[in-house]
Amino acid sequence: MARKFLYFIALCIMLVFAGFLALRLFPMYFSQAAFVPSAKFEEQALAAPNAYADNGMWFVRPGSPDNPAAWLPPALRPKTAVTPARGGPLAAQAAVAAAPAISVEPRPPLPPAVIFFVHPTSYMNRARWNAPLDDRDANHRTDIYLRGLASAFNSAGTLWAPRYRQATLGAFLADDRITAGKAIDAAYQDVAQAFDQMMKETPADQPIILVGHSQGALHLTRLLKERVAGKPLAKRIAAAYVIGWPVSVDSDLPALGLPACTAPDQAGCVLSWVSFAEPAEPEMVMAAYNGSVGFDGRPRRGTRMLCTNPLTGTADAGAEASANLGTLKPDNDFKEAELLVGVVPARCEDERGLLLIGEPIDVGAYVLPGNNYHVYDIPLFWMNVRADVERRLRAFAGK
């Protein structure tokens, strides 16, 4: 009996190892099987002309009774008693206050900006190509994204984060690019309509900050091309954070209507990065990138991605971990997070434009194959992103 039990355990170990090896060797195949919809694509009718005048069409907007994007880590919450501890929240505050590159000494109030935040993919279901607005699981994940990602920008002004019929995760893995394109286009139409409504309700002299991550960043690039580039609105953009989606310096950036950010106090520019630990294995990302066409109609293959180092606020730069003012490490249920100071370095890779963070770091269970830290593009540099947006907003006000 004992021998049979040992055989059973050995078989289980072999099966787990075989499954891991298969996922490692054929990640695209198994990802497609798990996420690409088997259902027929359903055309999405345009939302009603005034749909986004309804508060219910927004996760967050002025006057929202519940604002997950207002979340702050314990170290930054006012009137919170904190016990001093080595590497704890007070150490985080001390490290931030002592950082020579970015001061957090009291300054005049920031000019309030309006911040348009387009959330990343939170719909994983294979049942549809586009998410229903009332999907419970997707909305729960979006709530987490707002707390962990959008919160980095909440000191700079008023956040607007629309609900939209996002393309499902499988749309970005599907071989059927025509159907996937229809799903992505339908999602963008909602985003554009939400942006237009926000602009109707925004004072004409208020600066604008645009933020998108992953699918949200993809929609943001098109929004920049269609709503900002070559238009008077471009003069109101304090900064555009196109994060977690590759932007070709040659084929995409010229169409966005704003230059790349090359200085930490530059306003009216674009920031973008895609995070990997080392050794980086970005084959899936690069295959999709190299097989796509840029805004200028040319293939992106052979062109370099725009890489902004969030630790320095400059393009194509490198910085030691000591420059990192605070990385968010969430707890298991993503309700809270601690700030880790001076832990994660970053440098822009010369060849492809990936943002490399050195050896893998434990910040949660959702690191993707190939040391891809896509989910943590903002949490890895949460405090630096927070300081960056404030700095650019001050620079914009000083123009």
Protein backbone atom coordinates (compact mmCIF):
# COMPACT_ATOMS: atom_id res chain seq x y z
CA MET A 1 0.00 0.00 0.00
CA ALA A 2 2.82 2.40 0.91
CA ARG A 3 4.54 1.71 -2.42
CA LYS A 4 1.32 2.42 -4.36
CA PHE A 5 0.93 5.67 -2.47
CA LEU A 6 4.49 6.71 -3.36
CA TYR A 7 3.82 5.84 -7.01
CA PHE A 8 0.69 8.01 -6.89
CA ILE A 9 2.61 10.96 -5.42
CA ALA A 10 5.35 10.55 -8.03
CA LEU A 11 2.73 10.49 -10.81
CA CYS A 12 1.12 13.67 -9.47
CA ILE A 13 4.50 15.41 -9.38
CA MET A 14 5.21 14.32 -12.96
CA LEU A 15 1.84 15.61 -14.15
CA VAL A 16 2.33 18.97 -12.46
CA PHE A 17 5.83 19.25 -13.91
CA ALA A 18 4.57 18.27 -17.37
CA GLY A 19 1.81 20.87 -17.14
CA PHE A 20 4.26 23.56 -16.08
CA LEU A 21 6.65 22.60 -18.89
CA ALA A 22 3.85 22.66 -21.46
CA LEU A 23 2.74 26.10 -20.29
CA ARG A 24 6.34 27.31 -20.45
CA LEU A 25 6.94 25.93 -23.94
CA PHE A 26 3.53 26.68 -25.45
CA PRO A 27 2.12 29.64 -23.52
CA MET A 28 0.17 31.06 -26.47
CA TYR A 29 -1.59 27.77 -27.22
CA PHE A 30 -2.80 27.29 -23.66
CA SER A 31 -3.66 30.97 -23.25
CA GLN A 32 -5.80 30.85 -26.38
CA ALA A 33 -7.54 27.70 -25.20
CA ALA A 34 -8.32 29.29 -21.85
CA PHE A 35 -9.40 32.79 -22.90
CA VAL A 36 -10.32 33.16 -26.60
CA PRO A 37 -14.13 33.22 -26.94
CA SER A 38 -15.79 30.34 -28.71
CA ALA A 39 -19.00 32.35 -29.03
CA LYS A 40 -19.96 34.28 -32.14
CA PHE A 41 -19.14 37.99 -32.06
CA GLU A 42 -22.13 40.21 -31.32
CA GLU A 43 -22.11 43.70 -32.81
CA GLN A 44 -22.17 46.37 -30.10
CA ALA A 45 -24.56 49.22 -30.74
CA LEU A 46 -23.21 52.68 -29.96
CA ALA A 47 -24.22 53.96 -26.57
CA ALA A 48 -26.96 56.57 -26.53
CA PRO A 49 -25.67 60.13 -27.21
CA ASN A 50 -26.05 61.18 -23.59
CA ALA A 51 -25.27 57.81 -21.98
CA TYR A 52 -22.23 59.06 -20.07
CA ALA A 53 -24.19 61.92 -18.53
CA ASP A 54 -25.50 59.19 -16.23
CA ASN A 55 -23.37 58.82 -13.09
CA GLY A 56 -23.94 55.08 -13.24
CA MET A 57 -21.78 54.86 -16.37
CA TRP A 58 -18.71 55.78 -14.33
CA PHE A 59 -16.71 53.87 -11.76
CA VAL A 60 -15.40 57.20 -10.54
CA ARG A 61 -16.34 60.80 -11.33
CA PRO A 62 -16.87 63.99 -9.31
CA GLY A 63 -19.43 63.35 -6.63
CA SER A 64 -19.09 59.55 -6.69
CA PRO A 65 -20.29 58.23 -3.30
CA ASP A 66 -17.68 55.46 -3.32
CA ASN A 67 -14.28 56.22 -4.82
CA PRO A 68 -11.82 53.30 -4.77
CA ALA A 69 -9.25 55.49 -6.55
CA ALA A 70 -9.05 57.66 -3.40
CA TRP A 71 -7.26 54.77 -1.62
CA LEU A 72 -3.90 55.51 0.01
CA PRO A 73 -1.38 53.16 1.63
CA PRO A 74 -1.31 53.38 5.45
CA ALA A 75 1.92 55.42 5.42
CA LEU A 76 0.21 58.29 3.60
CA ARG A 77 -3.14 58.31 5.37
CA PRO A 78 -3.73 61.38 7.53
CA LYS A 79 -4.22 61.00 11.27
CA THR A 80 -3.09 57.38 11.28
CA ALA A 81 -0.98 56.20 14.18
CA VAL A 82 1.98 54.18 12.95
CA THR A 83 4.45 52.21 15.04
CA PRO A 84 8.05 52.87 14.00
CA ALA A 85 9.69 49.80 12.51
CA ARG A 86 12.70 49.12 10.39
CA GLY A 87 11.54 49.25 6.77
CA GLY A 88 7.96 50.02 7.88
CA PRO A 89 5.65 52.86 6.89
CA LEU A 90 7.51 55.52 8.90
CA ALA A 91 10.69 54.42 7.19
CA ALA A 92 8.86 54.90 3.91
CA GLN A 93 7.92 58.44 4.89
CA ALA A 94 11.45 59.18 6.00
CA ALA A 95 12.90 57.80 2.78
CA VAL A 96 10.49 59.85 0.71
CA ALA A 97 11.25 63.02 2.67
CA ALA A 98 14.99 62.43 2.38
CA ALA A 99 15.05 61.58 -1.32
CA PRO A 100 17.20 64.23 -3.06
CA ALA A 101 15.68 63.86 -6.52
CA ILE A 102 12.05 64.48 -5.61
CA SER A 103 11.20 66.68 -2.65
CA VAL A 104 7.95 66.27 -0.77
CA GLU A 105 8.33 69.43 1.32
CA PRO A 106 5.18 71.57 1.60
CA ARG A 107 4.49 73.49 -1.59
CA PRO A 108 1.73 75.72 -2.92
CA PRO A 109 -1.41 73.75 -3.80
CA LEU A 110 -1.38 71.98 -7.14
CA PRO A 111 -3.55 73.44 -9.88
CA PRO A 112 -6.40 70.91 -9.94
CA ALA A 113 -6.37 68.76 -13.06
CA VAL A 114 -9.05 66.55 -14.53
CA ILE A 115 -7.69 63.01 -14.82
CA PHE A 116 -9.15 60.60 -17.36
CA PHE A 117 -8.27 57.02 -16.37
CA VAL A 118 -9.01 54.07 -18.69
CA HIS A 119 -8.73 50.81 -16.76
CA PRO A 120 -6.98 47.67 -18.06
CA THR A 121 -8.69 44.43 -19.07
CA SER A 122 -10.72 42.99 -16.21
CA TYR A 123 -13.06 40.74 -18.23
CA MET A 124 -11.60 37.23 -18.68
CA ASN A 125 -14.72 35.35 -19.76
CA ARG A 126 -14.88 33.32 -22.99
CA ALA A 127 -18.65 33.75 -23.21
CA ARG A 128 -18.48 37.14 -25.00
CA TRP A 129 -16.07 39.24 -27.02
CA ASN A 130 -17.14 42.38 -25.15
CA ALA A 131 -17.89 42.65 -21.46
CA PRO A 132 -21.37 43.49 -20.23
CA LEU A 133 -21.25 46.66 -18.14
CA ASP A 134 -22.77 44.84 -15.18
CA ASP A 135 -20.40 41.85 -15.12
CA ARG A 136 -19.76 41.28 -11.43
CA ASP A 137 -16.34 39.64 -11.66
CA ALA A 138 -14.98 42.19 -14.12
CA ASN A 139 -16.21 45.10 -12.03
CA HIS A 140 -14.66 43.60 -8.90
CA ARG A 141 -11.28 43.41 -10.65
CA THR A 142 -11.68 46.97 -11.91
CA ASP A 143 -12.24 48.12 -8.34
CA ILE A 144 -8.87 46.57 -7.47
CA TYR A 145 -7.23 48.31 -10.44
CA LEU A 146 -8.62 51.66 -9.36
CA ARG A 147 -7.20 51.21 -5.86
CA GLY A 148 -3.80 49.97 -6.98
CA LEU A 149 -3.26 51.90 -10.23
CA ALA A 150 -5.47 54.99 -10.46
CA SER A 151 -4.72 55.88 -6.83
CA ALA A 152 -1.21 56.94 -7.83
CA PHE A 153 -2.78 59.96 -9.55
CA ASN A 154 -5.35 60.97 -6.95
CA SER A 155 -3.31 63.86 -5.52
CA ALA A 156 -3.27 65.67 -8.86
CA GLY A 157 -6.96 66.42 -9.30
CA THR A 158 -10.34 64.89 -9.95
CA LEU A 159 -10.48 61.38 -11.39
CA TRP A 160 -12.92 60.20 -14.05
CA ALA A 161 -12.91 56.46 -14.80
CA PRO A 162 -15.61 55.24 -17.21
CA ARG A 163 -17.29 51.89 -17.43
CA TYR A 164 -16.89 50.58 -20.96
CA ARG A 165 -17.65 47.42 -22.89
CA GLN A 166 -14.04 46.31 -22.82
CA ALA A 167 -12.75 43.63 -25.15
CA THR A 168 -12.27 40.34 -23.34
CA LEU A 169 -8.73 39.17 -22.60
CA GLY A 170 -9.00 36.52 -25.33
CA ALA A 171 -9.41 39.21 -27.99
CA PHE A 172 -5.73 40.04 -27.54
CA LEU A 173 -4.72 36.39 -27.97
CA ALA A 174 -7.01 35.38 -30.83
CA ASP A 175 -5.74 34.41 -34.28
CA ASP A 176 -8.93 35.91 -35.74
CA ARG A 177 -7.72 39.50 -35.81
CA ILE A 178 -10.76 40.77 -37.72
CA THR A 179 -13.19 39.71 -35.00
CA ALA A 180 -10.79 40.82 -32.28
CA GLY A 181 -10.47 44.19 -33.99
CA LYS A 182 -14.24 44.63 -33.95
CA ALA A 183 -14.36 43.93 -30.22
CA ILE A 184 -11.52 46.35 -29.50
CA ASP A 185 -13.11 49.03 -31.70
CA ALA A 186 -16.44 48.66 -29.89
CA ALA A 187 -14.66 49.16 -26.57
CA TYR A 188 -12.92 52.27 -27.87
CA GLN A 189 -16.19 53.85 -28.99
CA ASP A 190 -17.38 53.76 -25.37
CA VAL A 191 -14.11 55.27 -24.15
CA ALA A 192 -14.25 58.09 -26.70
CA GLN A 193 -17.86 58.86 -25.85
CA ALA A 194 -17.02 58.96 -22.13
CA PHE A 195 -14.12 61.32 -22.80
CA ASP A 196 -16.35 63.65 -24.80
CA GLN A 197 -18.86 63.77 -21.94
CA MET A 198 -16.10 64.52 -19.44
CA MET A 199 -14.91 67.40 -21.60
CA LYS A 200 -18.43 68.85 -21.71
CA GLU A 201 -18.43 69.01 -17.92
CA THR A 202 -14.86 70.32 -17.53
CA PRO A 203 -13.93 74.03 -17.35
CA ALA A 204 -12.14 75.18 -20.49
CA ASP A 205 -9.05 76.30 -18.57
CA GLN A 206 -8.52 73.14 -16.52
CA PRO A 207 -5.42 71.03 -17.31
CA ILE A 208 -5.96 67.42 -18.37
CA ILE A 209 -4.00 64.29 -17.45
CA LEU A 210 -4.62 61.16 -19.50
CA VAL A 211 -3.87 57.73 -18.01
CA GLY A 212 -4.37 54.26 -19.45
CA HIS A 213 -2.94 50.86 -18.63
CA SER A 214 -2.84 47.79 -20.90
CA GLN A 215 -6.09 47.74 -22.93
CA GLY A 216 -6.80 51.16 -21.45
CA ALA A 217 -3.46 52.42 -22.83
CA LEU A 218 -4.30 51.03 -26.26
CA HIS A 219 -7.54 53.01 -26.29
CA LEU A 220 -5.66 56.04 -25.01
CA THR A 221 -3.27 56.00 -27.98
CA ARG A 222 -6.23 56.15 -30.36
CA LEU A 223 -7.87 58.86 -28.27
CA LEU A 224 -4.69 60.93 -28.49
CA LYS A 225 -4.55 60.43 -32.25
CA GLU A 226 -8.21 61.30 -32.86
CA ARG A 227 -9.07 63.81 -30.13
CA VAL A 228 -5.77 65.52 -29.27
CA ALA A 229 -3.21 65.49 -32.10
CA GLY A 230 -3.32 68.69 -34.13
CA LYS A 231 -6.18 70.15 -32.10
CA PRO A 232 -6.34 73.04 -29.57
CA LEU A 233 -7.00 70.45 -26.86
CA ALA A 234 -3.34 69.38 -27.09
CA LYS A 235 -2.34 72.58 -25.27
CA ARG A 236 -4.34 71.47 -22.22
CA ILE A 237 -2.67 68.07 -21.80
CA ALA A 238 -0.29 68.22 -18.84
CA ALA A 239 0.86 64.62 -19.42
CA ALA A 240 -0.28 61.37 -21.01
CA TYR A 241 0.62 58.10 -19.25
CA VAL A 242 0.39 55.31 -21.83
CA ILE A 243 1.50 52.42 -19.62
CA GLY A 244 1.71 48.69 -20.27
CA TRP A 245 1.12 48.96 -24.02
CA PRO A 246 3.98 49.19 -26.54
CA VAL A 247 4.29 52.53 -28.34
CA SER A 248 6.63 52.59 -31.34
CA VAL A 249 8.88 55.63 -31.30
CA ASP A 250 8.92 55.68 -35.11
CA SER A 251 5.49 54.36 -36.14
CA ASP A 252 3.19 55.55 -33.34
CA LEU A 253 4.56 58.50 -31.38
CA PRO A 254 4.44 61.11 -34.18
CA ALA A 255 0.69 60.49 -34.58
CA LEU A 256 -0.10 61.08 -30.89
CA GLY A 257 0.33 64.84 -31.10
CA LEU A 258 2.66 65.07 -28.09
CA PRO A 259 6.41 64.45 -27.77
CA ALA A 260 8.02 61.88 -25.52
CA CYS A 261 8.90 63.09 -22.03
CA THR A 262 12.67 63.65 -21.94
CA ALA A 263 12.93 65.70 -18.73
CA PRO A 264 11.40 65.05 -15.28
CA ASP A 265 9.75 68.48 -15.15
CA GLN A 266 8.52 68.52 -18.76
CA ALA A 267 4.80 69.01 -19.36
CA GLY A 268 2.67 68.22 -22.40
CA CYS A 269 4.39 64.93 -23.18
CA VAL A 270 3.92 61.15 -23.30
CA LEU A 271 5.28 58.54 -20.88
CA SER A 272 5.24 54.80 -21.56
CA TRP A 273 6.88 51.64 -20.23
CA VAL A 274 6.51 47.84 -20.29
CA SER A 275 8.04 46.12 -17.24
CA PHE A 276 10.07 42.89 -17.15
CA ALA A 277 12.38 41.33 -14.60
CA GLU A 278 15.57 39.64 -15.76
CA PRO A 279 16.15 37.41 -17.51
CA ALA A 280 13.35 38.88 -19.62
CA GLU A 281 11.52 36.54 -21.98
CA PRO A 282 9.20 38.89 -23.91
CA GLU A 283 8.64 36.61 -26.90
CA MET A 284 4.82 36.75 -26.69
CA VAL A 285 4.83 40.54 -26.39
CA MET A 286 7.39 41.01 -29.15
CA ALA A 287 5.59 38.62 -31.49
CA ALA A 288 2.40 40.65 -31.18
CA TYR A 289 4.31 43.92 -31.49
CA ASN A 290 6.34 42.83 -34.52
CA GLY A 291 3.24 41.48 -36.25
CA SER A 292 1.31 44.73 -35.93
CA VAL A 293 1.11 47.94 -37.94
CA GLY A 294 1.75 51.40 -36.51
CA PHE A 295 -0.36 54.53 -36.84
CA ASP A 296 1.70 55.56 -39.86
CA GLY A 297 0.71 52.38 -41.72
CA ARG A 298 4.16 50.81 -41.48
CA PRO A 299 5.00 47.59 -39.61
CA ARG A 300 6.28 48.10 -36.09
CA ARG A 301 8.83 45.32 -36.60
CA GLY A 302 12.34 46.59 -36.08
CA THR A 303 11.24 49.79 -34.36
CA ARG A 304 12.00 50.55 -30.73
CA MET A 305 9.36 50.96 -28.03
CA LEU A 306 9.09 54.24 -26.17
CA CYS A 307 10.60 53.66 -22.71
CA THR A 308 10.24 56.19 -19.92
CA ASN A 309 11.95 55.29 -16.68
CA PRO A 310 9.38 56.12 -13.96
CA LEU A 311 12.18 56.45 -11.40
CA THR A 312 13.76 59.35 -13.27
CA GLY A 313 10.91 60.68 -15.40
CA THR A 314 13.17 60.59 -18.45
CA ALA A 315 13.39 58.46 -21.56
CA ASP A 316 15.93 55.67 -22.05
CA ALA A 317 17.40 56.09 -18.57
CA GLY A 318 18.55 53.86 -15.73
CA ALA A 319 18.31 54.22 -11.95
CA GLU A 320 19.32 52.23 -8.89
CA ALA A 321 16.79 50.88 -6.42
CA SER A 322 17.64 53.72 -4.03
CA ALA A 323 15.74 56.07 -6.36
CA ASN A 324 12.52 54.12 -5.88
CA LEU A 325 10.39 56.07 -3.39
CA GLY A 326 7.87 53.31 -2.85
CA THR A 327 6.64 50.05 -4.39
CA LEU A 328 3.17 48.80 -3.50
CA LYS A 329 3.05 45.18 -2.34
CA PRO A 330 -0.60 44.14 -2.00
CA ASP A 331 -1.90 41.65 0.51
CA ASN A 332 -3.56 38.43 -0.59
CA ASP A 333 -7.04 39.88 -1.06
CA PHE A 334 -5.80 43.17 -2.56
CA LYS A 335 -7.58 45.25 0.07
CA GLU A 336 -4.41 46.73 1.53
CA ALA A 337 -0.78 47.17 0.51
CA GLU A 338 2.50 48.12 2.11
CA LEU A 339 5.10 50.51 0.70
CA LEU A 340 8.53 49.02 0.07
CA VAL A 341 11.14 51.77 -0.25
CA GLY A 342 14.34 51.45 -2.28
CA VAL A 343 13.72 47.91 -3.46
CA VAL A 344 13.09 47.99 -7.24
CA PRO A 345 15.58 49.49 -9.72
CA ALA A 346 14.76 50.17 -13.37
CA ARG A 347 16.58 50.73 -16.63
CA CYS A 348 15.45 51.12 -20.22
CA GLU A 349 16.87 48.40 -22.42
CA ASP A 350 18.78 49.72 -25.42
CA GLU A 351 17.66 47.26 -28.08
CA ARG A 352 13.88 46.88 -27.75
CA GLY A 353 12.87 49.53 -25.23
CA LEU A 354 11.70 47.22 -22.44
CA LEU A 355 11.85 48.54 -18.88
CA LEU A 356 13.97 46.06 -16.90
CA ILE A 357 13.76 45.86 -13.10
CA GLY A 358 16.64 43.48 -12.38
CA GLU A 359 16.03 40.24 -10.51
CA PRO A 360 12.41 39.14 -9.91
CA ILE A 361 10.79 40.58 -6.79
CA ASP A 362 7.88 39.21 -4.79
CA VAL A 363 5.09 41.77 -5.14
CA GLY A 364 2.22 39.35 -5.69
CA ALA A 365 1.06 36.20 -7.42
CA TYR A 366 0.25 37.66 -10.83
CA VAL A 367 3.63 37.86 -12.52
CA LEU A 368 3.12 36.57 -16.07
CA PRO A 369 5.32 34.01 -17.85
CA GLY A 370 8.70 35.27 -18.99
CA ASN A 371 9.19 37.52 -15.93
CA ASN A 372 6.53 39.84 -17.29
CA TYR A 373 5.48 42.31 -14.55
CA HIS A 374 2.68 43.77 -16.66
CA VAL A 375 0.13 43.70 -13.83
CA TYR A 376 2.54 45.69 -11.63
CA ASP A 377 3.64 48.36 -14.13
CA ILE A 378 2.36 51.14 -11.83
CA PRO A 379 2.56 49.53 -8.33
CA LEU A 380 6.29 48.84 -8.83
CA PHE A 381 6.86 52.61 -8.97
CA TRP A 382 3.74 53.90 -7.23
CA MET A 383 5.36 56.69 -5.20
CA ASN A 384 7.53 57.84 -8.10
CA VAL A 385 4.52 57.97 -10.42
CA ARG A 386 2.70 60.01 -7.78
CA ALA A 387 5.59 62.46 -7.55
CA ASP A 388 5.97 62.52 -11.34
CA VAL A 389 2.41 63.60 -12.07
CA GLU A 390 2.55 66.31 -9.41
CA ARG A 391 5.84 67.60 -10.82
CA ARG A 392 4.54 67.74 -14.39
CA LEU A 393 1.34 69.43 -13.30
CA ARG A 394 3.36 72.14 -11.54
CA ALA A 395 5.49 72.55 -14.66
CA PHE A 396 2.36 72.85 -16.78
CA ALA A 397 0.96 75.55 -14.46
CA GLY A 398 4.26 77.44 -14.67
CA LYS A 399 4.27 77.65 -18.46
